[in-house]
Amino acid sequence: MSLALKSTVAHVGRRAGVTQVGLLGSRLLHSSKINQMAEKASQSASTPVTTEPITALAKQGSMQLSLETPQNKAEYVLSTLDKVSNWARQGSMWPMTFGLACCAVEMMHMAAARYDQDRLGVVFRASPRQSDIMIVAGTLTNKMAPALRKVYDQMPEPRWVISMGSCANGGGYYHYSYSVVRGCDRIVPVDIYVPGCPPTAEALLYGMLQLQRKMRRSRKGVIW
């Protein structure tokens, strides 16, 4: 056998060996991935599924005194005061009604007997100086935007804003109109967005529960 033929045979043998090793390694890797996926599936199947209603989950919020554990007496006192003040605020929410379009009808529906917002401590006020929440319900036009900002500036701190409906969230149906603001968050800072055109009274009620949850997590006295 010639020297060139011997070298060719040896090269082919080496390539065949490398290919077999590569195939074996890929098979082992694939089988390990399948085993990991099976273990994850079994763990997720063994995890209990909660059947708690979504409104109850929204009411839970953060039960901690603060996001950090108090390190000394001063931090403990301040975090406890934060928890007490947040509890008081979430039980007496006084919205400033800013109904601008058809969403205001659903906002009034939430105050009626069927949903009874008073049981949550929500009472509508006609003066911004007595309110801590503003519900922007409807289409905000360019001419109304300065009035919205002026009313917001008259509200005492701390204050929150709920944007109700597609028009208040981003312009909605009139997004491309020359006279409509594409979202009230361009004028005032928004805490809760309630989607819908118009959103139902249940949706606004759920937004109020989400705002209560956000109030529980707020920290004013403790700043690390």
C-alpha atoms as a PDB file:
ATOM      1  CA  MET A   1       0.000   0.000   0.000  1.00  0.00           C
ATOM      2  CA  SER A   2       1.376   3.366  -0.963  1.00  0.00           C
ATOM      3  CA  LEU A   3       2.194   6.070   1.544  1.00  0.00           C
ATOM      4  CA  ALA A   4      -0.533   8.447   0.234  1.00  0.00           C
ATOM      5  CA  LEU A   5      -3.188   5.721   0.549  1.00  0.00           C
ATOM      6  CA  LYS A   6      -2.098   4.944   4.131  1.00  0.00           C
ATOM      7  CA  SER A   7      -2.329   8.602   5.136  1.00  0.00           C
ATOM      8  CA  THR A   8      -5.805   8.925   3.569  1.00  0.00           C
ATOM      9  CA  VAL A   9      -7.066   5.857   5.416  1.00  0.00           C
ATOM     10  CA  ALA A  10      -5.674   7.154   8.720  1.00  0.00           C
ATOM     11  CA  HIS A  11      -7.288  10.600   8.189  1.00  0.00           C
ATOM     12  CA  VAL A  12     -10.679   9.035   7.455  1.00  0.00           C
ATOM     13  CA  GLY A  13     -10.401   6.902  10.584  1.00  0.00           C
ATOM     14  CA  ARG A  14      -9.617   9.923  12.753  1.00  0.00           C
ATOM     15  CA  ARG A  15     -12.596  11.855  11.341  1.00  0.00           C
ATOM     16  CA  ALA A  16     -14.892   8.911  11.974  1.00  0.00           C
ATOM     17  CA  GLY A  17     -13.710   8.698  15.583  1.00  0.00           C
ATOM     18  CA  VAL A  18     -14.232  12.421  16.164  1.00  0.00           C
ATOM     19  CA  THR A  19     -17.741  12.222  14.665  1.00  0.00           C
ATOM     20  CA  GLN A  20     -18.724   9.327  16.905  1.00  0.00           C
ATOM     21  CA  VAL A  21     -17.457  11.144  19.982  1.00  0.00           C
ATOM     22  CA  GLY A  22     -19.391  14.268  18.983  1.00  0.00           C
ATOM     23  CA  LEU A  23     -22.599  12.322  18.444  1.00  0.00           C
ATOM     24  CA  LEU A  24     -22.219  10.611  21.808  1.00  0.00           C
ATOM     25  CA  GLY A  25     -21.658  13.943  23.574  1.00  0.00           C
ATOM     26  CA  SER A  26     -24.673  15.576  21.922  1.00  0.00           C
ATOM     27  CA  ARG A  27     -26.878  12.619  22.898  1.00  0.00           C
ATOM     28  CA  LEU A  28     -25.762  12.855  26.522  1.00  0.00           C
ATOM     29  CA  LEU A  29     -26.392  16.636  26.574  1.00  0.00           C
ATOM     30  CA  HIS A  30     -29.847  16.190  25.044  1.00  0.00           C
ATOM     31  CA  SER A  31     -30.805  13.500  27.554  1.00  0.00           C
ATOM     32  CA  SER A  32     -29.678  15.684  30.483  1.00  0.00           C
ATOM     33  CA  LYS A  33     -31.807  18.588  29.214  1.00  0.00           C
ATOM     34  CA  ILE A  34     -34.832  16.285  28.956  1.00  0.00           C
ATOM     35  CA  ASN A  35     -34.284  15.108  32.541  1.00  0.00           C
ATOM     36  CA  GLN A  36     -34.067  18.720  33.792  1.00  0.00           C
ATOM     37  CA  MET A  37     -37.290  19.641  32.004  1.00  0.00           C
ATOM     38  CA  ALA A  38     -39.050  16.612  33.509  1.00  0.00           C
ATOM     39  CA  GLU A  39     -37.886  17.598  37.014  1.00  0.00           C
ATOM     40  CA  LYS A  40     -39.160  21.167  36.564  1.00  0.00           C
ATOM     41  CA  ALA A  41     -42.516  19.877  35.301  1.00  0.00           C
ATOM     42  CA  SER A  42     -42.895  17.599  38.310  1.00  0.00           C
ATOM     43  CA  GLN A  43     -42.028  20.427  40.709  1.00  0.00           C
ATOM     44  CA  SER A  44     -44.557  22.780  39.118  1.00  0.00           C
ATOM     45  CA  ALA A  45     -47.210  20.055  39.220  1.00  0.00           C
ATOM     46  CA  SER A  46     -46.604  19.479  42.928  1.00  0.00           C
ATOM     47  CA  THR A  47     -46.931  23.222  43.734  1.00  0.00           C
ATOM     48  CA  PRO A  48     -50.422  23.974  45.131  1.00  0.00           C
ATOM     49  CA  VAL A  49     -52.583  26.355  43.105  1.00  0.00           C
ATOM     50  CA  THR A  50     -54.278  29.129  45.087  1.00  0.00           C
ATOM     51  CA  THR A  51     -57.995  29.586  44.573  1.00  0.00           C
ATOM     52  CA  GLU A  52     -58.166  32.881  46.419  1.00  0.00           C
ATOM     53  CA  PRO A  53     -60.235  35.557  44.641  1.00  0.00           C
ATOM     54  CA  ILE A  54     -58.279  38.274  42.903  1.00  0.00           C
ATOM     55  CA  THR A  55     -59.835  41.021  45.034  1.00  0.00           C
ATOM     56  CA  ALA A  56     -58.537  39.332  48.187  1.00  0.00           C
ATOM     57  CA  LEU A  57     -55.059  39.116  46.664  1.00  0.00           C
ATOM     58  CA  ALA A  58     -55.181  42.828  45.856  1.00  0.00           C
ATOM     59  CA  LYS A  59     -56.045  43.638  49.468  1.00  0.00           C
ATOM     60  CA  GLN A  60     -53.012  41.810  50.857  1.00  0.00           C
ATOM     61  CA  GLY A  61     -50.260  44.067  49.564  1.00  0.00           C
ATOM     62  CA  SER A  62     -47.051  44.205  51.540  1.00  0.00           C
ATOM     63  CA  MET A  63     -47.412  43.204  55.177  1.00  0.00           C
ATOM     64  CA  GLN A  64     -43.865  44.239  56.075  1.00  0.00           C
ATOM     65  CA  LEU A  65     -43.110  47.288  58.171  1.00  0.00           C
ATOM     66  CA  SER A  66     -40.802  48.425  55.402  1.00  0.00           C
ATOM     67  CA  LEU A  67     -38.841  46.927  52.534  1.00  0.00           C
ATOM     68  CA  GLU A  68     -35.790  46.700  54.789  1.00  0.00           C
ATOM     69  CA  THR A  69     -35.546  45.266  58.286  1.00  0.00           C
ATOM     70  CA  PRO A  70     -35.130  48.011  60.904  1.00  0.00           C
ATOM     71  CA  GLN A  71     -31.616  48.051  62.297  1.00  0.00           C
ATOM     72  CA  ASN A  72     -32.162  50.210  65.382  1.00  0.00           C
ATOM     73  CA  LYS A  73     -34.870  51.758  67.537  1.00  0.00           C
ATOM     74  CA  ALA A  74     -35.163  54.934  65.486  1.00  0.00           C
ATOM     75  CA  GLU A  75     -35.697  53.013  62.251  1.00  0.00           C
ATOM     76  CA  TYR A  76     -38.218  50.749  63.989  1.00  0.00           C
ATOM     77  CA  VAL A  77     -40.250  53.706  65.270  1.00  0.00           C
ATOM     78  CA  LEU A  78     -40.237  55.448  61.888  1.00  0.00           C
ATOM     79  CA  SER A  79     -41.218  52.293  60.011  1.00  0.00           C
ATOM     80  CA  THR A  80     -44.041  51.669  62.493  1.00  0.00           C
ATOM     81  CA  LEU A  81     -45.313  55.220  61.997  1.00  0.00           C
ATOM     82  CA  ASP A  82     -45.218  54.621  58.235  1.00  0.00           C
ATOM     83  CA  LYS A  83     -47.347  51.523  58.641  1.00  0.00           C
ATOM     84  CA  VAL A  84     -49.886  53.299  60.848  1.00  0.00           C
ATOM     85  CA  SER A  85     -50.173  56.326  58.547  1.00  0.00           C
ATOM     86  CA  ASN A  86     -50.533  54.092  55.464  1.00  0.00           C
ATOM     87  CA  TRP A  87     -53.273  52.142  57.216  1.00  0.00           C
ATOM     88  CA  ALA A  88     -55.120  55.378  57.989  1.00  0.00           C
ATOM     89  CA  ARG A  89     -54.777  56.719  54.444  1.00  0.00           C
ATOM     90  CA  GLN A  90     -56.027  53.582  52.733  1.00  0.00           C
ATOM     91  CA  GLY A  91     -59.136  53.576  54.931  1.00  0.00           C
ATOM     92  CA  SER A  92     -60.175  57.144  54.110  1.00  0.00           C
ATOM     93  CA  MET A  93     -59.633  57.893  50.431  1.00  0.00           C
ATOM     94  CA  TRP A  94     -61.298  61.101  49.278  1.00  0.00           C
ATOM     95  CA  PRO A  95     -61.255  61.397  45.473  1.00  0.00           C
ATOM     96  CA  MET A  96     -61.536  64.645  43.595  1.00  0.00           C
ATOM     97  CA  THR A  97     -63.987  63.881  40.779  1.00  0.00           C
ATOM     98  CA  PHE A  98     -62.684  65.011  37.408  1.00  0.00           C
ATOM     99  CA  GLY A  99     -65.270  63.527  35.052  1.00  0.00           C
ATOM    100  CA  LEU A 100     -64.636  64.597  31.467  1.00  0.00           C
ATOM    101  CA  ALA A 101     -66.626  62.159  29.315  1.00  0.00           C
ATOM    102  CA  CYS A 102     -68.648  58.932  29.389  1.00  0.00           C
ATOM    103  CA  CYS A 103     -66.258  57.263  31.872  1.00  0.00           C
ATOM    104  CA  ALA A 104     -67.686  59.560  34.527  1.00  0.00           C
ATOM    105  CA  VAL A 105     -70.983  57.619  34.320  1.00  0.00           C
ATOM    106  CA  GLU A 106     -69.205  54.436  35.419  1.00  0.00           C
ATOM    107  CA  MET A 107     -67.429  56.412  38.131  1.00  0.00           C
ATOM    108  CA  MET A 108     -70.818  57.491  39.478  1.00  0.00           C
ATOM    109  CA  HIS A 109     -71.985  53.892  39.158  1.00  0.00           C
ATOM    110  CA  MET A 110     -69.264  52.839  41.592  1.00  0.00           C
ATOM    111  CA  ALA A 111     -70.675  55.267  44.147  1.00  0.00           C
ATOM    112  CA  ALA A 112     -74.184  53.840  43.838  1.00  0.00           C
ATOM    113  CA  ALA A 113     -75.730  51.166  46.033  1.00  0.00           C
ATOM    114  CA  ARG A 114     -74.642  48.160  43.955  1.00  0.00           C
ATOM    115  CA  TYR A 115     -70.907  48.654  44.556  1.00  0.00           C
ATOM    116  CA  ASP A 116     -71.084  51.020  47.520  1.00  0.00           C
ATOM    117  CA  GLN A 117     -67.662  52.641  47.509  1.00  0.00           C
ATOM    118  CA  ASP A 118     -68.344  54.078  50.983  1.00  0.00           C
ATOM    119  CA  ARG A 119     -67.603  50.685  52.547  1.00  0.00           C
ATOM    120  CA  LEU A 120     -63.990  51.142  51.423  1.00  0.00           C
ATOM    121  CA  GLY A 121     -63.791  54.628  52.891  1.00  0.00           C
ATOM    122  CA  VAL A 122     -64.040  56.279  49.449  1.00  0.00           C
ATOM    123  CA  VAL A 123     -65.976  59.570  49.606  1.00  0.00           C
ATOM    124  CA  PHE A 124     -66.153  62.026  46.705  1.00  0.00           C
ATOM    125  CA  ARG A 125     -65.176  65.609  47.506  1.00  0.00           C
ATOM    126  CA  ALA A 126     -65.917  68.713  45.486  1.00  0.00           C
ATOM    127  CA  SER A 127     -62.857  70.645  46.616  1.00  0.00           C
ATOM    128  CA  PRO A 128     -59.275  69.719  45.698  1.00  0.00           C
ATOM    129  CA  ARG A 129     -58.030  71.061  49.031  1.00  0.00           C
ATOM    130  CA  GLN A 130     -59.968  68.302  50.813  1.00  0.00           C
ATOM    131  CA  SER A 131     -58.966  65.495  48.426  1.00  0.00           C
ATOM    132  CA  ASP A 132     -56.020  63.143  48.242  1.00  0.00           C
ATOM    133  CA  ILE A 133     -56.973  61.244  45.043  1.00  0.00           C
ATOM    134  CA  MET A 134     -57.892  62.485  41.590  1.00  0.00           C
ATOM    135  CA  ILE A 135     -59.847  60.276  39.180  1.00  0.00           C
ATOM    136  CA  VAL A 136     -59.371  61.526  35.611  1.00  0.00           C
ATOM    137  CA  ALA A 137     -62.339  59.952  33.817  1.00  0.00           C
ATOM    138  CA  GLY A 138     -62.633  60.728  30.118  1.00  0.00           C
ATOM    139  CA  THR A 139     -61.022  62.594  27.255  1.00  0.00           C
ATOM    140  CA  LEU A 140     -58.576  65.315  28.254  1.00  0.00           C
ATOM    141  CA  THR A 141     -58.438  68.140  25.737  1.00  0.00           C
ATOM    142  CA  ASN A 142     -55.675  70.689  25.311  1.00  0.00           C
ATOM    143  CA  LYS A 143     -57.879  73.474  26.675  1.00  0.00           C
ATOM    144  CA  MET A 144     -58.745  71.451  29.799  1.00  0.00           C
ATOM    145  CA  ALA A 145     -55.139  70.407  30.521  1.00  0.00           C
ATOM    146  CA  PRO A 146     -54.143  73.641  32.366  1.00  0.00           C
ATOM    147  CA  ALA A 147     -57.227  73.348  34.589  1.00  0.00           C
ATOM    148  CA  LEU A 148     -56.356  69.727  35.373  1.00  0.00           C
ATOM    149  CA  ARG A 149     -52.853  70.706  36.419  1.00  0.00           C
ATOM    150  CA  LYS A 150     -54.116  73.624  38.491  1.00  0.00           C
ATOM    151  CA  VAL A 151     -56.560  71.401  40.394  1.00  0.00           C
ATOM    152  CA  TYR A 152     -53.819  68.834  40.958  1.00  0.00           C
ATOM    153  CA  ASP A 153     -51.465  71.459  42.361  1.00  0.00           C
ATOM    154  CA  GLN A 154     -54.147  72.528  44.865  1.00  0.00           C
ATOM    155  CA  MET A 155     -54.378  69.010  46.345  1.00  0.00           C
ATOM    156  CA  PRO A 156     -52.371  68.489  49.550  1.00  0.00           C
ATOM    157  CA  GLU A 157     -49.594  65.912  49.815  1.00  0.00           C
ATOM    158  CA  PRO A 158     -49.605  62.948  49.678  1.00  0.00           C
ATOM    159  CA  ARG A 159     -51.777  62.707  46.577  1.00  0.00           C
ATOM    160  CA  TRP A 160     -52.485  60.059  43.978  1.00  0.00           C
ATOM    161  CA  VAL A 161     -53.988  60.002  40.486  1.00  0.00           C
ATOM    162  CA  ILE A 162     -56.105  57.305  38.811  1.00  0.00           C
ATOM    163  CA  SER A 163     -56.364  57.449  35.030  1.00  0.00           C
ATOM    164  CA  MET A 164     -59.702  55.915  34.041  1.00  0.00           C
ATOM    165  CA  GLY A 165     -60.454  54.784  30.498  1.00  0.00           C
ATOM    166  CA  SER A 166     -58.622  54.602  27.194  1.00  0.00           C
ATOM    167  CA  CYS A 167     -58.963  58.320  26.475  1.00  0.00           C
ATOM    168  CA  ALA A 168     -57.354  59.317  29.767  1.00  0.00           C
ATOM    169  CA  ASN A 169     -54.680  56.622  29.417  1.00  0.00           C
ATOM    170  CA  GLY A 170     -53.491  57.462  25.911  1.00  0.00           C
ATOM    171  CA  GLY A 171     -56.038  59.448  23.922  1.00  0.00           C
ATOM    172  CA  GLY A 172     -58.164  56.429  23.049  1.00  0.00           C
ATOM    173  CA  TYR A 173     -60.445  56.853  20.064  1.00  0.00           C
ATOM    174  CA  TYR A 174     -59.313  60.477  19.676  1.00  0.00           C
ATOM    175  CA  HIS A 175     -55.597  59.705  19.857  1.00  0.00           C
ATOM    176  CA  TYR A 176     -54.836  61.435  16.537  1.00  0.00           C
ATOM    177  CA  SER A 177     -57.063  64.452  17.136  1.00  0.00           C
ATOM    178  CA  TYR A 178     -55.378  67.853  17.108  1.00  0.00           C
ATOM    179  CA  SER A 179     -57.209  68.937  20.269  1.00  0.00           C
ATOM    180  CA  VAL A 180     -56.736  65.900  22.563  1.00  0.00           C
ATOM    181  CA  VAL A 181     -53.911  65.189  24.997  1.00  0.00           C
ATOM    182  CA  ARG A 182     -52.520  61.712  24.355  1.00  0.00           C
ATOM    183  CA  GLY A 183     -52.645  60.608  27.948  1.00  0.00           C
ATOM    184  CA  CYS A 184     -53.191  62.589  31.132  1.00  0.00           C
ATOM    185  CA  ASP A 185     -49.803  61.347  32.379  1.00  0.00           C
ATOM    186  CA  ARG A 186     -48.299  64.070  30.196  1.00  0.00           C
ATOM    187  CA  ILE A 187     -49.900  66.627  32.526  1.00  0.00           C
ATOM    188  CA  VAL A 188     -49.942  64.965  35.967  1.00  0.00           C
ATOM    189  CA  PRO A 189     -48.147  61.894  37.356  1.00  0.00           C
ATOM    190  CA  VAL A 190     -50.409  58.829  37.280  1.00  0.00           C
ATOM    191  CA  ASP A 191     -50.327  56.027  39.855  1.00  0.00           C
ATOM    192  CA  ILE A 192     -53.015  53.612  38.598  1.00  0.00           C
ATOM    193  CA  TYR A 193     -54.237  53.035  35.022  1.00  0.00           C
ATOM    194  CA  VAL A 194     -57.720  51.547  34.548  1.00  0.00           C
ATOM    195  CA  PRO A 195     -58.146  50.297  30.949  1.00  0.00           C
ATOM    196  CA  GLY A 196     -61.421  50.097  29.062  1.00  0.00           C
ATOM    197  CA  CYS A 197     -63.721  52.119  26.822  1.00  0.00           C
ATOM    198  CA  PRO A 198     -65.409  52.770  29.108  1.00  0.00           C
ATOM    199  CA  PRO A 199     -64.163  50.617  31.975  1.00  0.00           C
ATOM    200  CA  THR A 200     -66.811  49.074  34.174  1.00  0.00           C
ATOM    201  CA  ALA A 201     -67.451  50.082  37.749  1.00  0.00           C
ATOM    202  CA  GLU A 202     -65.852  46.786  38.807  1.00  0.00           C
ATOM    203  CA  ALA A 203     -62.649  47.774  36.989  1.00  0.00           C
ATOM    204  CA  LEU A 204     -62.513  51.131  38.747  1.00  0.00           C
ATOM    205  CA  LEU A 205     -63.202  49.424  42.067  1.00  0.00           C
ATOM    206  CA  TYR A 206     -60.303  47.058  41.402  1.00  0.00           C
ATOM    207  CA  GLY A 207     -58.137  50.084  40.598  1.00  0.00           C
ATOM    208  CA  MET A 208     -59.021  51.544  44.005  1.00  0.00           C
ATOM    209  CA  LEU A 209     -57.957  48.264  45.650  1.00  0.00           C
ATOM    210  CA  GLN A 210     -54.659  48.406  43.757  1.00  0.00           C
ATOM    211  CA  LEU A 211     -54.156  51.962  44.969  1.00  0.00           C
ATOM    212  CA  GLN A 212     -54.732  50.804  48.535  1.00  0.00           C
ATOM    213  CA  ARG A 213     -52.049  48.191  47.994  1.00  0.00           C
ATOM    214  CA  LYS A 214     -49.675  50.857  46.724  1.00  0.00           C
ATOM    215  CA  MET A 215     -50.426  53.001  49.774  1.00  0.00           C
ATOM    216  CA  ARG A 216     -49.397  50.119  52.035  1.00  0.00           C
ATOM    217  CA  ARG A 217     -46.001  49.953  50.361  1.00  0.00           C
ATOM    218  CA  SER A 218     -45.304  53.681  50.457  1.00  0.00           C
ATOM    219  CA  ARG A 219     -42.643  54.967  52.851  1.00  0.00           C
ATOM    220  CA  LYS A 220     -42.469  58.589  53.907  1.00  0.00           C
ATOM    221  CA  GLY A 221     -40.740  58.538  57.282  1.00  0.00           C
ATOM    222  CA  VAL A 222     -38.024  55.955  56.563  1.00  0.00           C
ATOM    223  CA  ILE A 223     -35.417  56.883  53.973  1.00  0.00           C
ATOM    224  CA  TRP A 224     -32.211  54.863  53.919  1.00  0.00           C
END
